[in-house]
C-alpha cells in the first residue's frame, strides 16, 4: 500500500520510478540523511537517463571511446591538449574542429569519442556522414519540412560531419550544406572529418565564392588536427594475416 502511494506521489511530482525502487534500499541514520540520499539517487538516475537519450539521438552508427585511441599519431595545435578535447572545452567555446588526414587514420574514431563524451556532459550532438546529411536536407526540402529540420539540427551544441570527401554535391545540396554551416557560425561547434585539402573543396561545392565563404566560416574559430599515421584498417589487416 505504501509503495503504491509513493508511486502516485512520484507521478504527480513527475519523478521517476527510481524513487520507488530506491526507497526501500537506502539506509540512513535520520530522515534528513535518508531524503538527501534519495534525492541524490534521483539526480544520478536522471543524468544517466538523459545521457542515454542523448547518445541514441546523436545518430552514432557505432560507439567509440578514448580508451582505444592513440593520440601519438595526431598532430594537435600547440595550445591544444588531449585533455582539452576530452573535456569538450571546444564545445563550450563554440569552436570548430577540422580533422584532416588520410583514410583510416582515426578521424572518425576520435570524432565519435568526442561526441560520446559531449553527450555524457549533457550536450546535444548530431552525427552524420556528410552525404547522408545532404540527402536528408534535400528530402526535408522536397516534402516541405526543411525549416523544422534545420531548427532541430541547430539545437545541437555539436554537429559532426564525417567523410567530408571529394564527392561533388549538386548545387541545391551544396547550398543546403552551406546554410547549415552558416547557421552555426560563431553559435555552435562543428567537427569536420576530411581527406581533402581546403584548396580542393571547390570541387565539392562548385562555386568558388561559396567555397571561400564556407571555409572562412569554418576556420575563423577552429582547431586543425592533422592525421598522418598509417591506415588503422590496413595495419589491422596485416596483423590478421
C-alpha atoms as a PDB file:
ATOM      1  CA  UNK A   1       0.000   0.000   0.000  1.00  0.00           C
ATOM      2  CA  UNK A   2       2.768   2.426   0.985  1.00  0.00           C
ATOM      3  CA  UNK A   3       4.688   1.641  -2.207  1.00  0.00           C
ATOM      4  CA  UNK A   4       1.688   2.452  -4.376  1.00  0.00           C
ATOM      5  CA  UNK A   5       1.190   5.746  -2.540  1.00  0.00           C
ATOM      6  CA  UNK A   6       4.842   6.669  -3.110  1.00  0.00           C
ATOM      7  CA  UNK A   7       4.447   5.804  -6.792  1.00  0.00           C
ATOM      8  CA  UNK A   8       1.365   8.020  -7.019  1.00  0.00           C
ATOM      9  CA  UNK A   9       3.235  10.918  -5.413  1.00  0.00           C
ATOM     10  CA  UNK A  10       6.154  10.428  -7.821  1.00  0.00           C
ATOM     11  CA  UNK A  11       3.760  10.573 -10.749  1.00  0.00           C
ATOM     12  CA  UNK A  12       2.220  13.833  -9.537  1.00  0.00           C
ATOM     13  CA  UNK A  13       5.657  15.345  -8.904  1.00  0.00           C
ATOM     14  CA  UNK A  14       6.952  13.979 -12.219  1.00  0.00           C
ATOM     15  CA  UNK A  15       9.622  11.924 -10.501  1.00  0.00           C
ATOM     16  CA  UNK A  16      10.835   8.612 -11.896  1.00  0.00           C
ATOM     17  CA  UNK A  17      10.048   5.179 -10.515  1.00  0.00           C
ATOM     18  CA  UNK A  18      13.657   5.158  -9.365  1.00  0.00           C
ATOM     19  CA  UNK A  19      12.346   6.808  -6.186  1.00  0.00           C
ATOM     20  CA  UNK A  20      10.039   3.866  -5.549  1.00  0.00           C
ATOM     21  CA  UNK A  21      12.785   1.326  -6.219  1.00  0.00           C
ATOM     22  CA  UNK A  22      15.358   3.086  -4.046  1.00  0.00           C
ATOM     23  CA  UNK A  23      13.023   3.984  -1.175  1.00  0.00           C
ATOM     24  CA  UNK A  24      13.406   0.563   0.433  1.00  0.00           C
ATOM     25  CA  UNK A  25      17.132   0.178  -0.276  1.00  0.00           C
ATOM     26  CA  UNK A  26      18.615   3.326   1.221  1.00  0.00           C
ATOM     27  CA  UNK A  27      19.962   3.204   4.754  1.00  0.00           C
ATOM     28  CA  UNK A  28      20.394   6.359   6.830  1.00  0.00           C
ATOM     29  CA  UNK A  29      20.696   7.451  10.457  1.00  0.00           C
ATOM     30  CA  UNK A  30      17.951  10.051  10.242  1.00  0.00           C
ATOM     31  CA  UNK A  31      15.171  11.345   7.989  1.00  0.00           C
ATOM     32  CA  UNK A  32      17.240  14.196   6.532  1.00  0.00           C
ATOM     33  CA  UNK A  33      20.084  11.905   5.524  1.00  0.00           C
ATOM     34  CA  UNK A  34      17.570   9.462   4.027  1.00  0.00           C
ATOM     35  CA  UNK A  35      15.899  12.220   1.991  1.00  0.00           C
ATOM     36  CA  UNK A  36      19.262  13.575   0.801  1.00  0.00           C
ATOM     37  CA  UNK A  37      20.427  10.144  -0.373  1.00  0.00           C
ATOM     38  CA  UNK A  38      17.105   9.545  -2.093  1.00  0.00           C
ATOM     39  CA  UNK A  39      17.250  12.890  -3.927  1.00  0.00           C
ATOM     40  CA  UNK A  40      20.881  12.320  -4.970  1.00  0.00           C
ATOM     41  CA  UNK A  41      19.882   8.911  -6.292  1.00  0.00           C
ATOM     42  CA  UNK A  42      17.155  10.547  -8.387  1.00  0.00           C
ATOM     43  CA  UNK A  43      19.613  13.121  -9.770  1.00  0.00           C
ATOM     44  CA  UNK A  44      22.070  10.393 -10.793  1.00  0.00           C
ATOM     45  CA  UNK A  45      19.236   8.379 -12.355  1.00  0.00           C
ATOM     46  CA  UNK A  46      18.048  11.391 -14.364  1.00  0.00           C
ATOM     47  CA  UNK A  47      21.573  12.140 -15.585  1.00  0.00           C
ATOM     48  CA  UNK A  48      22.026   8.548 -16.752  1.00  0.00           C
ATOM     49  CA  UNK A  49      18.636   8.582 -18.467  1.00  0.00           C
ATOM     50  CA  UNK A  50      19.375  11.900 -20.187  1.00  0.00           C
ATOM     51  CA  UNK A  51      22.823  10.741 -21.325  1.00  0.00           C
ATOM     52  CA  UNK A  52      21.382   7.532 -22.762  1.00  0.00           C
ATOM     53  CA  UNK A  53      18.757   9.570 -24.619  1.00  0.00           C
ATOM     54  CA  UNK A  54      21.391  11.964 -25.973  1.00  0.00           C
ATOM     55  CA  UNK A  55      23.508   9.037 -27.207  1.00  0.00           C
ATOM     56  CA  UNK A  56      20.530   7.489 -29.016  1.00  0.00           C
ATOM     57  CA  UNK A  57      19.544  10.821 -30.520  1.00  0.00           C
ATOM     58  CA  UNK A  58      23.081  11.622 -31.719  1.00  0.00           C
ATOM     59  CA  UNK A  59      22.960   9.052 -34.514  1.00  0.00           C
ATOM     60  CA  UNK A  60      26.325   7.347 -33.977  1.00  0.00           C
ATOM     61  CA  UNK A  61      26.476   4.190 -36.088  1.00  0.00           C
ATOM     62  CA  UNK A  62      28.913   2.749 -33.540  1.00  0.00           C
ATOM     63  CA  UNK A  63      30.241   3.817 -30.151  1.00  0.00           C
ATOM     64  CA  UNK A  64      33.927   4.696 -29.850  1.00  0.00           C
ATOM     65  CA  UNK A  65      35.831   5.818 -26.756  1.00  0.00           C
ATOM     66  CA  UNK A  66      39.217   7.298 -25.925  1.00  0.00           C
ATOM     67  CA  UNK A  67      40.428   4.041 -24.389  1.00  0.00           C
ATOM     68  CA  UNK A  68      41.486   2.537 -27.723  1.00  0.00           C
ATOM     69  CA  UNK A  69      42.563   5.787 -29.411  1.00  0.00           C
ATOM     70  CA  UNK A  70      46.235   6.711 -29.961  1.00  0.00           C
ATOM     71  CA  UNK A  71      46.903  10.451 -29.741  1.00  0.00           C
ATOM     72  CA  UNK A  72      50.572   9.873 -30.607  1.00  0.00           C
ATOM     73  CA  UNK A  73      49.639   9.714 -34.312  1.00  0.00           C
ATOM     74  CA  UNK A  74      47.749  13.019 -34.301  1.00  0.00           C
ATOM     75  CA  UNK A  75      49.358  16.439 -34.611  1.00  0.00           C
ATOM     76  CA  UNK A  76      47.495  18.850 -32.351  1.00  0.00           C
ATOM     77  CA  UNK A  77      47.798  22.654 -32.405  1.00  0.00           C
ATOM     78  CA  UNK A  78      50.442  23.884 -29.984  1.00  0.00           C
ATOM     79  CA  UNK A  79      47.983  25.164 -27.386  1.00  0.00           C
ATOM     80  CA  UNK A  80      45.645  22.152 -27.529  1.00  0.00           C
ATOM     81  CA  UNK A  81      45.994  19.020 -25.394  1.00  0.00           C
ATOM     82  CA  UNK A  82      44.112  15.704 -25.389  1.00  0.00           C
ATOM     83  CA  UNK A  83      42.658  16.724 -22.028  1.00  0.00           C
ATOM     84  CA  UNK A  84      41.251  19.925 -23.546  1.00  0.00           C
ATOM     85  CA  UNK A  85      39.491  17.849 -26.206  1.00  0.00           C
ATOM     86  CA  UNK A  86      38.263  15.198 -23.765  1.00  0.00           C
ATOM     87  CA  UNK A  87      36.774  17.870 -21.518  1.00  0.00           C
ATOM     88  CA  UNK A  88      34.843  19.229 -24.536  1.00  0.00           C
ATOM     89  CA  UNK A  89      36.081  22.771 -23.970  1.00  0.00           C
ATOM     90  CA  UNK A  90      35.780  23.383 -27.709  1.00  0.00           C
ATOM     91  CA  UNK A  91      32.026  22.743 -27.494  1.00  0.00           C
ATOM     92  CA  UNK A  92      31.706  25.141 -24.580  1.00  0.00           C
ATOM     93  CA  UNK A  93      33.746  27.733 -26.514  1.00  0.00           C
ATOM     94  CA  UNK A  94      31.768  27.140 -29.745  1.00  0.00           C
ATOM     95  CA  UNK A  95      34.985  26.341 -31.592  1.00  0.00           C
ATOM     96  CA  UNK A  96      35.107  24.120 -34.669  1.00  0.00           C
ATOM     97  CA  UNK A  97      37.453  21.199 -35.257  1.00  0.00           C
ATOM     98  CA  UNK A  98      38.697  20.056 -38.653  1.00  0.00           C
ATOM     99  CA  UNK A  99      40.325  16.626 -38.707  1.00  0.00           C
ATOM    100  CA  UNK A 100      42.432  16.281 -41.830  1.00  0.00           C
ATOM    101  CA  UNK A 101      44.360  13.229 -42.966  1.00  0.00           C
ATOM    102  CA  UNK A 102      44.408  10.024 -44.923  1.00  0.00           C
ATOM    103  CA  UNK A 103      41.602   7.482 -44.888  1.00  0.00           C
ATOM    104  CA  UNK A 104      41.645   5.075 -41.951  1.00  0.00           C
ATOM    105  CA  UNK A 105      43.855   7.138 -39.651  1.00  0.00           C
ATOM    106  CA  UNK A 106      41.351   7.551 -36.821  1.00  0.00           C
ATOM    107  CA  UNK A 107      39.407  10.707 -37.643  1.00  0.00           C
ATOM    108  CA  UNK A 108      36.013   9.047 -37.320  1.00  0.00           C
ATOM    109  CA  UNK A 109      37.067   7.238 -34.146  1.00  0.00           C
ATOM    110  CA  UNK A 110      38.178  10.447 -32.439  1.00  0.00           C
ATOM    111  CA  UNK A 111      35.162  12.449 -33.584  1.00  0.00           C
ATOM    112  CA  UNK A 112      32.756   9.819 -32.244  1.00  0.00           C
ATOM    113  CA  UNK A 113      34.699   9.579 -28.970  1.00  0.00           C
ATOM    114  CA  UNK A 114      34.427  13.359 -28.612  1.00  0.00           C
ATOM    115  CA  UNK A 115      30.734  13.204 -29.456  1.00  0.00           C
ATOM    116  CA  UNK A 116      30.106  10.462 -26.902  1.00  0.00           C
ATOM    117  CA  UNK A 117      31.944  12.446 -24.248  1.00  0.00           C
ATOM    118  CA  UNK A 118      29.929  15.547 -25.135  1.00  0.00           C
ATOM    119  CA  UNK A 119      26.712  13.550 -24.647  1.00  0.00           C
ATOM    120  CA  UNK A 120      27.950  12.391 -21.248  1.00  0.00           C
ATOM    121  CA  UNK A 121      28.457  16.036 -20.307  1.00  0.00           C
ATOM    122  CA  UNK A 122      24.897  16.884 -21.260  1.00  0.00           C
ATOM    123  CA  UNK A 123      25.492  18.399 -24.711  1.00  0.00           C
ATOM    124  CA  UNK A 124      23.166  17.607 -27.581  1.00  0.00           C
ATOM    125  CA  UNK A 125      25.095  16.083 -30.501  1.00  0.00           C
ATOM    126  CA  UNK A 126      24.266  15.105 -34.085  1.00  0.00           C
ATOM    127  CA  UNK A 127      26.478  12.783 -36.145  1.00  0.00           C
ATOM    128  CA  UNK A 128      26.131  12.426 -39.932  1.00  0.00           C
ATOM    129  CA  UNK A 129      28.097  11.127 -42.827  1.00  0.00           C
ATOM    130  CA  UNK A 130      28.128  14.288 -44.923  1.00  0.00           C
ATOM    131  CA  UNK A 131      26.443  12.708 -47.944  1.00  0.00           C
ATOM    132  CA  UNK A 132      23.657  11.365 -45.706  1.00  0.00           C
ATOM    133  CA  UNK A 133      23.166  14.815 -44.187  1.00  0.00           C
ATOM    134  CA  UNK A 134      22.877  16.417 -47.617  1.00  0.00           C
ATOM    135  CA  UNK A 135      20.396  13.736 -48.723  1.00  0.00           C
ATOM    136  CA  UNK A 136      18.372  14.337 -45.563  1.00  0.00           C
ATOM    137  CA  UNK A 137      18.369  18.092 -46.187  1.00  0.00           C
ATOM    138  CA  UNK A 138      17.235  17.577 -49.770  1.00  0.00           C
ATOM    139  CA  UNK A 139      14.433  15.224 -48.692  1.00  0.00           C
ATOM    140  CA  UNK A 140      13.225  17.621 -45.996  1.00  0.00           C
ATOM    141  CA  UNK A 141      13.189  20.393 -48.594  1.00  0.00           C
ATOM    142  CA  UNK A 142      11.234  18.205 -51.022  1.00  0.00           C
ATOM    143  CA  UNK A 143       8.489  17.430 -48.502  1.00  0.00           C
ATOM    144  CA  UNK A 144       8.353  20.991 -47.162  1.00  0.00           C
ATOM    145  CA  UNK A 145       9.771  20.353 -43.673  1.00  0.00           C
ATOM    146  CA  UNK A 146      13.257  21.808 -44.151  1.00  0.00           C
ATOM    147  CA  UNK A 147      12.732  24.756 -41.811  1.00  0.00           C
ATOM    148  CA  UNK A 148      11.632  22.490 -38.973  1.00  0.00           C
ATOM    149  CA  UNK A 149      14.552  20.120 -39.530  1.00  0.00           C
ATOM    150  CA  UNK A 150      17.083  22.981 -39.588  1.00  0.00           C
ATOM    151  CA  UNK A 151      15.744  24.289 -36.275  1.00  0.00           C
ATOM    152  CA  UNK A 152      16.153  20.863 -34.677  1.00  0.00           C
ATOM    153  CA  UNK A 153      19.625  20.474 -36.185  1.00  0.00           C
ATOM    154  CA  UNK A 154      20.764  23.848 -34.924  1.00  0.00           C
ATOM    155  CA  UNK A 155      19.713  22.991 -31.368  1.00  0.00           C
ATOM    156  CA  UNK A 156      22.608  20.554 -31.194  1.00  0.00           C
ATOM    157  CA  UNK A 157      25.644  22.081 -29.496  1.00  0.00           C
ATOM    158  CA  UNK A 158      27.883  19.832 -31.605  1.00  0.00           C
ATOM    159  CA  UNK A 159      27.406  18.745 -35.225  1.00  0.00           C
ATOM    160  CA  UNK A 160      29.792  16.107 -36.603  1.00  0.00           C
ATOM    161  CA  UNK A 161      30.152  15.828 -40.382  1.00  0.00           C
ATOM    162  CA  UNK A 162      32.069  12.660 -41.200  1.00  0.00           C
ATOM    163  CA  UNK A 163      33.509  11.722 -44.608  1.00  0.00           C
ATOM    164  CA  UNK A 164      33.649  15.274 -45.989  1.00  0.00           C
ATOM    165  CA  UNK A 165      35.232  13.940 -49.171  1.00  0.00           C
ATOM    166  CA  UNK A 166      35.756  14.567 -52.838  1.00  0.00           C
ATOM    167  CA  UNK A 167      32.156  13.807 -53.758  1.00  0.00           C
ATOM    168  CA  UNK A 168      30.706  16.701 -55.769  1.00  0.00           C
ATOM    169  CA  UNK A 169      27.338  17.867 -54.454  1.00  0.00           C
ATOM    170  CA  UNK A 170      24.604  19.137 -56.710  1.00  0.00           C
ATOM    171  CA  UNK A 171      24.025  22.861 -56.397  1.00  0.00           C
ATOM    172  CA  UNK A 172      20.971  22.528 -54.190  1.00  0.00           C
ATOM    173  CA  UNK A 173      22.818  20.135 -51.874  1.00  0.00           C
ATOM    174  CA  UNK A 174      25.812  22.476 -51.702  1.00  0.00           C
ATOM    175  CA  UNK A 175      23.573  25.438 -50.874  1.00  0.00           C
ATOM    176  CA  UNK A 176      21.759  23.487 -48.156  1.00  0.00           C
ATOM    177  CA  UNK A 177      25.004  22.378 -46.535  1.00  0.00           C
ATOM    178  CA  UNK A 178      26.284  25.944 -46.719  1.00  0.00           C
ATOM    179  CA  UNK A 179      23.129  27.085 -44.916  1.00  0.00           C
ATOM    180  CA  UNK A 180      23.719  24.569 -42.119  1.00  0.00           C
ATOM    181  CA  UNK A 181      27.305  25.740 -41.596  1.00  0.00           C
ATOM    182  CA  UNK A 182      26.334  29.401 -41.799  1.00  0.00           C
ATOM    183  CA  UNK A 183      23.625  28.984 -39.147  1.00  0.00           C
ATOM    184  CA  UNK A 184      26.170  27.506 -36.759  1.00  0.00           C
ATOM    185  CA  UNK A 185      28.842  30.141 -37.381  1.00  0.00           C
ATOM    186  CA  UNK A 186      30.024  31.566 -34.024  1.00  0.00           C
ATOM    187  CA  UNK A 187      26.985  29.928 -32.455  1.00  0.00           C
ATOM    188  CA  UNK A 188      27.559  26.156 -32.210  1.00  0.00           C
ATOM    189  CA  UNK A 189      30.548  23.834 -32.720  1.00  0.00           C
ATOM    190  CA  UNK A 190      31.174  21.675 -35.794  1.00  0.00           C
ATOM    191  CA  UNK A 191      33.577  18.769 -36.344  1.00  0.00           C
ATOM    192  CA  UNK A 192      34.506  18.025 -39.952  1.00  0.00           C
ATOM    193  CA  UNK A 193      36.484  14.933 -40.963  1.00  0.00           C
ATOM    194  CA  UNK A 194      38.116  15.166 -44.367  1.00  0.00           C
ATOM    195  CA  UNK A 195      40.978  13.894 -46.502  1.00  0.00           C
ATOM    196  CA  UNK A 196      40.620  16.791 -48.939  1.00  0.00           C
ATOM    197  CA  UNK A 197      42.756  19.911 -48.536  1.00  0.00           C
ATOM    198  CA  UNK A 198      40.900  23.215 -48.390  1.00  0.00           C
ATOM    199  CA  UNK A 199      42.067  24.307 -51.849  1.00  0.00           C
ATOM    200  CA  UNK A 200      40.141  21.382 -53.366  1.00  0.00           C
ATOM    201  CA  UNK A 201      36.852  21.985 -51.580  1.00  0.00           C
ATOM    202  CA  UNK A 202      35.738  23.937 -54.632  1.00  0.00           C
ATOM    203  CA  UNK A 203      35.436  20.539 -56.327  1.00  0.00           C
ATOM    204  CA  UNK A 204      32.755  19.690 -53.763  1.00  0.00           C
ATOM    205  CA  UNK A 205      30.828  22.968 -53.805  1.00  0.00           C
ATOM    206  CA  UNK A 206      31.376  24.003 -57.464  1.00  0.00           C
ATOM    207  CA  UNK A 207      31.162  27.707 -56.718  1.00  0.00           C
ATOM    208  CA  UNK A 208      34.421  29.419 -55.667  1.00  0.00           C
ATOM    209  CA  UNK A 209      32.628  32.192 -53.795  1.00  0.00           C
ATOM    210  CA  UNK A 210      30.545  29.701 -51.796  1.00  0.00           C
ATOM    211  CA  UNK A 211      33.614  27.579 -51.119  1.00  0.00           C
ATOM    212  CA  UNK A 212      35.547  30.587 -49.856  1.00  0.00           C
ATOM    213  CA  UNK A 213      32.658  31.616 -47.618  1.00  0.00           C
ATOM    214  CA  UNK A 214      32.216  28.164 -46.071  1.00  0.00           C
ATOM    215  CA  UNK A 215      35.965  27.713 -45.489  1.00  0.00           C
ATOM    216  CA  UNK A 216      36.110  31.169 -43.910  1.00  0.00           C
ATOM    217  CA  UNK A 217      33.253  30.377 -41.516  1.00  0.00           C
ATOM    218  CA  UNK A 218      34.686  27.024 -40.510  1.00  0.00           C
ATOM    219  CA  UNK A 219      38.258  28.210 -39.971  1.00  0.00           C
ATOM    220  CA  UNK A 220      37.512  31.501 -38.210  1.00  0.00           C
ATOM    221  CA  UNK A 221      37.251  29.753 -34.826  1.00  0.00           C
ATOM    222  CA  UNK A 222      38.821  26.366 -35.429  1.00  0.00           C
ATOM    223  CA  UNK A 223      41.359  23.784 -34.268  1.00  0.00           C
ATOM    224  CA  UNK A 224      43.063  21.859 -37.094  1.00  0.00           C
ATOM    225  CA  UNK A 225      44.041  18.292 -36.182  1.00  0.00           C
ATOM    226  CA  UNK A 226      46.380  16.510 -38.600  1.00  0.00           C
ATOM    227  CA  UNK A 227      46.291  12.722 -39.039  1.00  0.00           C
ATOM    228  CA  UNK A 228      49.332  11.467 -40.926  1.00  0.00           C
ATOM    229  CA  UNK A 229      49.606   7.980 -39.481  1.00  0.00           C
ATOM    230  CA  UNK A 230      49.208   4.680 -41.258  1.00  0.00           C
ATOM    231  CA  UNK A 231      45.711   3.444 -42.025  1.00  0.00           C
ATOM    232  CA  UNK A 232      44.464   1.566 -38.963  1.00  0.00           C
ATOM    233  CA  UNK A 233      42.405  -0.719 -41.179  1.00  0.00           C
ATOM    234  CA  UNK A 234      45.465  -1.642 -43.243  1.00  0.00           C
ATOM    235  CA  UNK A 235      47.509  -2.162 -40.067  1.00  0.00           C
ATOM    236  CA  UNK A 236      44.862  -4.438 -38.550  1.00  0.00           C
ATOM    237  CA  UNK A 237      44.501  -6.305 -41.842  1.00  0.00           C
ATOM    238  CA  UNK A 238      48.212  -7.149 -41.883  1.00  0.00           C
ATOM    239  CA  UNK A 239      48.111  -8.196 -38.235  1.00  0.00           C
ATOM    240  CA  UNK A 240      45.388 -10.699 -39.061  1.00  0.00           C
ATOM    241  CA  UNK A 241      47.268 -12.322 -41.971  1.00  0.00           C
END
